[in-house]
């Protein structure tokens, strides 16, 4: 708990320094949160190149806005994820393309103690799940990414999305129900194809 409080205090000092124009302090905030922002953008867009662009734009907008940043009791990263989410929405409105990229290798878990075949199965299962997540309606996808990938608690997700905690819980419930249905349907199709082939 002490370490978490220490990190929070250090981050608050960096934010205050960055708000006064200290570029080095902002650079340290970038180093702490860039991977998380990229990962968030990637799972919302499915496109590594676009996720990189959105990450860069997120930090440019954050640099411009940080003098006006107010701590409202949620982590600083939640503010960054809100900027990132808004940029994704703006891009979707402008582009309206349905391209979904494969999961890049850099997002895989490199340290795994399991057997190679178990590792391959887990990787394949993870890719199937995230492929299905990308088919969810945008709002549901956003909640799933923030809850299970970004590991944000309900109140932080609610703040980022401008919704109540109850609304976030409902969106998550619907998203998980949709995921379950989609995965069961895919499994049924797969079983049918295998039975026809044999």
C-alpha atoms as a PDB file:
ATOM      1  CA  UNK A   1       0.000   0.000   0.000  1.00  0.00           C
ATOM      2  CA  UNK A   2       2.889   2.321   0.825  1.00  0.00           C
ATOM      3  CA  UNK A   3       4.396   1.729  -2.620  1.00  0.00           C
ATOM      4  CA  UNK A   4       1.108   2.616  -4.317  1.00  0.00           C
ATOM      5  CA  UNK A   5       0.817   5.823  -2.268  1.00  0.00           C
ATOM      6  CA  UNK A   6       4.430   6.679  -3.083  1.00  0.00           C
ATOM      7  CA  UNK A   7       3.795   6.138  -6.814  1.00  0.00           C
ATOM      8  CA  UNK A   8       0.652   8.270  -6.623  1.00  0.00           C
ATOM      9  CA  UNK A   9       2.564  11.087  -4.889  1.00  0.00           C
ATOM     10  CA  UNK A  10       5.389  10.871  -7.445  1.00  0.00           C
ATOM     11  CA  UNK A  11       2.870  10.963 -10.279  1.00  0.00           C
ATOM     12  CA  UNK A  12       1.103  13.977  -8.765  1.00  0.00           C
ATOM     13  CA  UNK A  13       4.454  15.791  -8.581  1.00  0.00           C
ATOM     14  CA  UNK A  14       5.154  14.925 -12.236  1.00  0.00           C
ATOM     15  CA  UNK A  15       1.703  16.153 -13.267  1.00  0.00           C
ATOM     16  CA  UNK A  16       2.171  19.426 -11.384  1.00  0.00           C
ATOM     17  CA  UNK A  17       5.615  19.934 -12.952  1.00  0.00           C
ATOM     18  CA  UNK A  18       4.302  19.090 -16.433  1.00  0.00           C
ATOM     19  CA  UNK A  19       1.424  21.549 -15.941  1.00  0.00           C
ATOM     20  CA  UNK A  20       4.053  24.254 -15.262  1.00  0.00           C
ATOM     21  CA  UNK A  21       5.722  23.429 -18.595  1.00  0.00           C
ATOM     22  CA  UNK A  22       8.360  20.911 -17.493  1.00  0.00           C
ATOM     23  CA  UNK A  23       8.813  18.771 -20.634  1.00  0.00           C
ATOM     24  CA  UNK A  24      11.007  16.238 -18.831  1.00  0.00           C
ATOM     25  CA  UNK A  25       8.239  15.590 -16.285  1.00  0.00           C
ATOM     26  CA  UNK A  26       5.743  15.123 -19.119  1.00  0.00           C
ATOM     27  CA  UNK A  27       8.213  12.762 -20.789  1.00  0.00           C
ATOM     28  CA  UNK A  28       8.256  10.620 -17.661  1.00  0.00           C
ATOM     29  CA  UNK A  29       4.453  10.532 -17.633  1.00  0.00           C
ATOM     30  CA  UNK A  30       4.613   9.443 -21.272  1.00  0.00           C
ATOM     31  CA  UNK A  31       7.053   6.639 -20.407  1.00  0.00           C
ATOM     32  CA  UNK A  32       4.792   5.428 -17.588  1.00  0.00           C
ATOM     33  CA  UNK A  33       1.570   5.349 -19.611  1.00  0.00           C
ATOM     34  CA  UNK A  34       2.343   5.087 -23.352  1.00  0.00           C
ATOM     35  CA  UNK A  35       2.145   1.286 -23.519  1.00  0.00           C
ATOM     36  CA  UNK A  36      -1.200   1.250 -21.725  1.00  0.00           C
ATOM     37  CA  UNK A  37      -2.633   3.949 -23.990  1.00  0.00           C
ATOM     38  CA  UNK A  38      -1.371   2.111 -27.089  1.00  0.00           C
ATOM     39  CA  UNK A  39      -2.821  -1.193 -25.885  1.00  0.00           C
ATOM     40  CA  UNK A  40      -6.161   0.505 -25.179  1.00  0.00           C
ATOM     41  CA  UNK A  41      -6.232   2.134 -28.618  1.00  0.00           C
ATOM     42  CA  UNK A  42      -5.219  -1.101 -30.321  1.00  0.00           C
ATOM     43  CA  UNK A  43      -7.988  -3.146 -28.737  1.00  0.00           C
ATOM     44  CA  UNK A  44     -10.544  -0.483 -29.674  1.00  0.00           C
ATOM     45  CA  UNK A  45      -9.368  -0.173 -33.290  1.00  0.00           C
ATOM     46  CA  UNK A  46      -7.736  -3.502 -34.117  1.00  0.00           C
ATOM     47  CA  UNK A  47      -5.094  -1.665 -36.147  1.00  0.00           C
ATOM     48  CA  UNK A  48      -1.517  -1.341 -34.803  1.00  0.00           C
ATOM     49  CA  UNK A  49      -0.625   1.600 -37.058  1.00  0.00           C
ATOM     50  CA  UNK A  50      -3.773   3.495 -36.176  1.00  0.00           C
ATOM     51  CA  UNK A  51      -3.241   2.715 -32.482  1.00  0.00           C
ATOM     52  CA  UNK A  52       0.257   4.249 -32.713  1.00  0.00           C
ATOM     53  CA  UNK A  53      -1.191   7.388 -34.326  1.00  0.00           C
ATOM     54  CA  UNK A  54      -3.907   7.635 -31.684  1.00  0.00           C
ATOM     55  CA  UNK A  55      -1.325   7.161 -28.910  1.00  0.00           C
ATOM     56  CA  UNK A  56       0.773   9.998 -30.332  1.00  0.00           C
ATOM     57  CA  UNK A  57      -2.300  12.238 -30.714  1.00  0.00           C
ATOM     58  CA  UNK A  58      -3.426  11.370 -27.177  1.00  0.00           C
ATOM     59  CA  UNK A  59      -0.163  12.602 -25.683  1.00  0.00           C
ATOM     60  CA  UNK A  60      -0.104  15.711 -27.899  1.00  0.00           C
ATOM     61  CA  UNK A  61      -3.592  16.615 -26.699  1.00  0.00           C
ATOM     62  CA  UNK A  62      -2.620  15.787 -23.115  1.00  0.00           C
ATOM     63  CA  UNK A  63       0.448  18.038 -23.392  1.00  0.00           C
ATOM     64  CA  UNK A  64      -1.763  20.910 -24.575  1.00  0.00           C
ATOM     65  CA  UNK A  65      -4.420  20.291 -21.908  1.00  0.00           C
ATOM     66  CA  UNK A  66      -2.311  19.365 -18.872  1.00  0.00           C
ATOM     67  CA  UNK A  67      -2.217  22.927 -17.476  1.00  0.00           C
ATOM     68  CA  UNK A  68      -6.008  22.612 -17.101  1.00  0.00           C
ATOM     69  CA  UNK A  69      -5.926  19.039 -15.728  1.00  0.00           C
ATOM     70  CA  UNK A  70      -7.824  18.580 -12.444  1.00  0.00           C
ATOM     71  CA  UNK A  71      -7.456  15.559 -10.192  1.00  0.00           C
ATOM     72  CA  UNK A  72     -11.006  14.297  -9.664  1.00  0.00           C
ATOM     73  CA  UNK A  73     -10.138  11.226  -7.656  1.00  0.00           C
ATOM     74  CA  UNK A  74      -9.459   8.863 -10.581  1.00  0.00           C
ATOM     75  CA  UNK A  75      -6.048   7.775 -11.879  1.00  0.00           C
ATOM     76  CA  UNK A  76      -4.260  10.058 -14.351  1.00  0.00           C
ATOM     77  CA  UNK A  77      -4.240   7.190 -16.855  1.00  0.00           C
ATOM     78  CA  UNK A  78      -8.067   7.276 -16.892  1.00  0.00           C
ATOM     79  CA  UNK A  79      -7.854  10.854 -18.214  1.00  0.00           C
ATOM     80  CA  UNK A  80      -5.456   9.690 -20.944  1.00  0.00           C
ATOM     81  CA  UNK A  81      -7.747   6.775 -21.846  1.00  0.00           C
ATOM     82  CA  UNK A  82     -10.688   9.146 -22.146  1.00  0.00           C
ATOM     83  CA  UNK A  83      -8.713  11.295 -24.614  1.00  0.00           C
ATOM     84  CA  UNK A  84      -7.723   8.145 -26.506  1.00  0.00           C
ATOM     85  CA  UNK A  85     -11.313   6.869 -26.590  1.00  0.00           C
ATOM     86  CA  UNK A  86     -12.573  10.205 -27.934  1.00  0.00           C
ATOM     87  CA  UNK A  87      -9.936  10.129 -30.673  1.00  0.00           C
ATOM     88  CA  UNK A  88     -11.014   6.615 -31.651  1.00  0.00           C
ATOM     89  CA  UNK A  89     -14.656   7.755 -31.822  1.00  0.00           C
ATOM     90  CA  UNK A  90     -13.660  10.715 -34.000  1.00  0.00           C
ATOM     91  CA  UNK A  91     -11.656   8.433 -36.290  1.00  0.00           C
ATOM     92  CA  UNK A  92     -14.552   5.973 -36.581  1.00  0.00           C
ATOM     93  CA  UNK A  93     -16.919   8.774 -37.528  1.00  0.00           C
ATOM     94  CA  UNK A  94     -14.491  10.023 -40.171  1.00  0.00           C
ATOM     95  CA  UNK A  95     -13.273   6.731 -41.629  1.00  0.00           C
ATOM     96  CA  UNK A  96     -15.998   4.120 -40.963  1.00  0.00           C
ATOM     97  CA  UNK A  97     -13.862   1.148 -42.001  1.00  0.00           C
ATOM     98  CA  UNK A  98     -14.334  -2.361 -40.619  1.00  0.00           C
ATOM     99  CA  UNK A  99     -10.758  -3.666 -40.883  1.00  0.00           C
ATOM    100  CA  UNK A 100      -9.598  -5.821 -37.955  1.00  0.00           C
ATOM    101  CA  UNK A 101      -5.894  -6.630 -37.654  1.00  0.00           C
ATOM    102  CA  UNK A 102      -4.365  -9.671 -36.000  1.00  0.00           C
ATOM    103  CA  UNK A 103      -3.020  -9.320 -32.482  1.00  0.00           C
ATOM    104  CA  UNK A 104       0.587  -8.087 -32.782  1.00  0.00           C
ATOM    105  CA  UNK A 105       3.264 -10.290 -31.220  1.00  0.00           C
ATOM    106  CA  UNK A 106       4.413  -7.449 -28.933  1.00  0.00           C
ATOM    107  CA  UNK A 107       1.202  -7.716 -26.941  1.00  0.00           C
ATOM    108  CA  UNK A 108       1.696 -11.388 -26.135  1.00  0.00           C
ATOM    109  CA  UNK A 109       2.824 -12.638 -22.727  1.00  0.00           C
ATOM    110  CA  UNK A 110       6.532 -13.411 -23.169  1.00  0.00           C
ATOM    111  CA  UNK A 111       7.084 -15.056 -19.785  1.00  0.00           C
ATOM    112  CA  UNK A 112       5.038 -18.231 -19.584  1.00  0.00           C
ATOM    113  CA  UNK A 113       5.770 -21.217 -17.332  1.00  0.00           C
ATOM    114  CA  UNK A 114       3.398 -23.626 -19.079  1.00  0.00           C
ATOM    115  CA  UNK A 115       4.202 -26.266 -21.681  1.00  0.00           C
ATOM    116  CA  UNK A 116       4.605 -25.021 -25.288  1.00  0.00           C
ATOM    117  CA  UNK A 117       1.386 -26.722 -26.465  1.00  0.00           C
ATOM    118  CA  UNK A 118      -0.571 -25.178 -23.546  1.00  0.00           C
ATOM    119  CA  UNK A 119       0.950 -21.800 -24.359  1.00  0.00           C
ATOM    120  CA  UNK A 120      -0.129 -22.114 -28.006  1.00  0.00           C
ATOM    121  CA  UNK A 121      -3.656 -23.129 -26.991  1.00  0.00           C
ATOM    122  CA  UNK A 122      -3.914 -20.224 -24.544  1.00  0.00           C
ATOM    123  CA  UNK A 123      -2.656 -17.795 -27.220  1.00  0.00           C
ATOM    124  CA  UNK A 124      -5.146 -19.149 -29.766  1.00  0.00           C
ATOM    125  CA  UNK A 125      -8.001 -18.951 -27.234  1.00  0.00           C
ATOM    126  CA  UNK A 126      -7.014 -15.363 -26.362  1.00  0.00           C
ATOM    127  CA  UNK A 127      -6.984 -14.363 -30.031  1.00  0.00           C
ATOM    128  CA  UNK A 128     -10.435 -15.919 -30.534  1.00  0.00           C
ATOM    129  CA  UNK A 129     -11.824 -14.003 -27.553  1.00  0.00           C
ATOM    130  CA  UNK A 130     -10.367 -10.667 -28.690  1.00  0.00           C
ATOM    131  CA  UNK A 131     -11.522 -11.261 -32.267  1.00  0.00           C
ATOM    132  CA  UNK A 132     -15.050 -11.630 -30.856  1.00  0.00           C
ATOM    133  CA  UNK A 133     -14.603  -8.563 -28.602  1.00  0.00           C
ATOM    134  CA  UNK A 134     -13.880  -6.512 -31.728  1.00  0.00           C
ATOM    135  CA  UNK A 135     -17.310  -7.507 -33.097  1.00  0.00           C
ATOM    136  CA  UNK A 136     -19.137  -6.031 -30.102  1.00  0.00           C
ATOM    137  CA  UNK A 137     -20.870  -2.637 -30.368  1.00  0.00           C
ATOM    138  CA  UNK A 138     -18.319   0.111 -29.705  1.00  0.00           C
ATOM    139  CA  UNK A 139     -19.574   1.067 -26.235  1.00  0.00           C
ATOM    140  CA  UNK A 140     -19.565  -2.559 -25.060  1.00  0.00           C
ATOM    141  CA  UNK A 141     -16.086  -3.099 -26.507  1.00  0.00           C
ATOM    142  CA  UNK A 142     -14.846   0.020 -24.731  1.00  0.00           C
ATOM    143  CA  UNK A 143     -16.132  -1.207 -21.355  1.00  0.00           C
ATOM    144  CA  UNK A 144     -14.629  -4.686 -21.833  1.00  0.00           C
ATOM    145  CA  UNK A 145     -11.248  -3.204 -22.788  1.00  0.00           C
ATOM    146  CA  UNK A 146     -11.197  -0.810 -19.833  1.00  0.00           C
ATOM    147  CA  UNK A 147     -12.394  -3.397 -17.302  1.00  0.00           C
ATOM    148  CA  UNK A 148     -10.388  -6.450 -18.379  1.00  0.00           C
ATOM    149  CA  UNK A 149      -7.409  -5.076 -20.297  1.00  0.00           C
ATOM    150  CA  UNK A 150      -6.796  -1.714 -18.623  1.00  0.00           C
ATOM    151  CA  UNK A 151      -7.925  -3.209 -15.273  1.00  0.00           C
ATOM    152  CA  UNK A 152      -9.888  -0.092 -14.291  1.00  0.00           C
ATOM    153  CA  UNK A 153     -12.500  -0.362 -11.516  1.00  0.00           C
ATOM    154  CA  UNK A 154     -16.144   0.486 -12.269  1.00  0.00           C
ATOM    155  CA  UNK A 155     -15.987   4.064 -10.882  1.00  0.00           C
ATOM    156  CA  UNK A 156     -12.986   4.933 -13.098  1.00  0.00           C
ATOM    157  CA  UNK A 157     -14.642   3.470 -16.195  1.00  0.00           C
ATOM    158  CA  UNK A 158     -17.805   5.412 -15.359  1.00  0.00           C
ATOM    159  CA  UNK A 159     -15.796   8.648 -15.086  1.00  0.00           C
ATOM    160  CA  UNK A 160     -13.986   8.049 -18.388  1.00  0.00           C
ATOM    161  CA  UNK A 161     -17.254   7.315 -20.206  1.00  0.00           C
ATOM    162  CA  UNK A 162     -19.337   9.947 -18.411  1.00  0.00           C
ATOM    163  CA  UNK A 163     -21.806   7.335 -17.163  1.00  0.00           C
ATOM    164  CA  UNK A 164     -23.002   6.016 -13.825  1.00  0.00           C
ATOM    165  CA  UNK A 165     -21.411   2.925 -12.267  1.00  0.00           C
ATOM    166  CA  UNK A 166     -24.764   1.155 -12.680  1.00  0.00           C
ATOM    167  CA  UNK A 167     -24.810   1.929 -16.403  1.00  0.00           C
ATOM    168  CA  UNK A 168     -21.263   0.587 -16.798  1.00  0.00           C
ATOM    169  CA  UNK A 169     -22.254  -2.637 -15.009  1.00  0.00           C
ATOM    170  CA  UNK A 170     -25.229  -3.059 -17.365  1.00  0.00           C
ATOM    171  CA  UNK A 171     -23.052  -2.450 -20.444  1.00  0.00           C
ATOM    172  CA  UNK A 172     -20.503  -4.984 -19.172  1.00  0.00           C
ATOM    173  CA  UNK A 173     -23.245  -7.558 -18.476  1.00  0.00           C
ATOM    174  CA  UNK A 174     -24.658  -7.140 -21.996  1.00  0.00           C
ATOM    175  CA  UNK A 175     -21.179  -7.300 -23.533  1.00  0.00           C
ATOM    176  CA  UNK A 176     -20.327 -10.531 -21.724  1.00  0.00           C
ATOM    177  CA  UNK A 177     -23.711 -12.036 -22.665  1.00  0.00           C
ATOM    178  CA  UNK A 178     -23.117 -11.085 -26.324  1.00  0.00           C
ATOM    179  CA  UNK A 179     -19.596 -12.545 -26.202  1.00  0.00           C
ATOM    180  CA  UNK A 180     -20.903 -15.805 -24.757  1.00  0.00           C
ATOM    181  CA  UNK A 181     -23.542 -16.070 -27.504  1.00  0.00           C
ATOM    182  CA  UNK A 182     -21.050 -15.279 -30.280  1.00  0.00           C
ATOM    183  CA  UNK A 183     -18.525 -17.797 -28.996  1.00  0.00           C
ATOM    184  CA  UNK A 184     -21.178 -20.507 -28.601  1.00  0.00           C
ATOM    185  CA  UNK A 185     -22.376 -19.836 -32.155  1.00  0.00           C
ATOM    186  CA  UNK A 186     -18.788 -20.060 -33.474  1.00  0.00           C
ATOM    187  CA  UNK A 187     -18.259 -23.297 -31.574  1.00  0.00           C
ATOM    188  CA  UNK A 188     -21.481 -24.776 -33.002  1.00  0.00           C
ATOM    189  CA  UNK A 189     -20.418 -23.820 -36.551  1.00  0.00           C
ATOM    190  CA  UNK A 190     -16.978 -25.340 -35.968  1.00  0.00           C
ATOM    191  CA  UNK A 191     -18.479 -28.615 -34.679  1.00  0.00           C
ATOM    192  CA  UNK A 192     -20.847 -28.749 -37.673  1.00  0.00           C
ATOM    193  CA  UNK A 193     -17.973 -28.218 -40.138  1.00  0.00           C
ATOM    194  CA  UNK A 194     -15.862 -30.928 -38.451  1.00  0.00           C
ATOM    195  CA  UNK A 195     -18.771 -33.409 -38.434  1.00  0.00           C
ATOM    196  CA  UNK A 196     -19.395 -32.788 -42.164  1.00  0.00           C
ATOM    197  CA  UNK A 197     -15.696 -33.251 -42.956  1.00  0.00           C
ATOM    198  CA  UNK A 198     -15.437 -36.652 -41.220  1.00  0.00           C
END
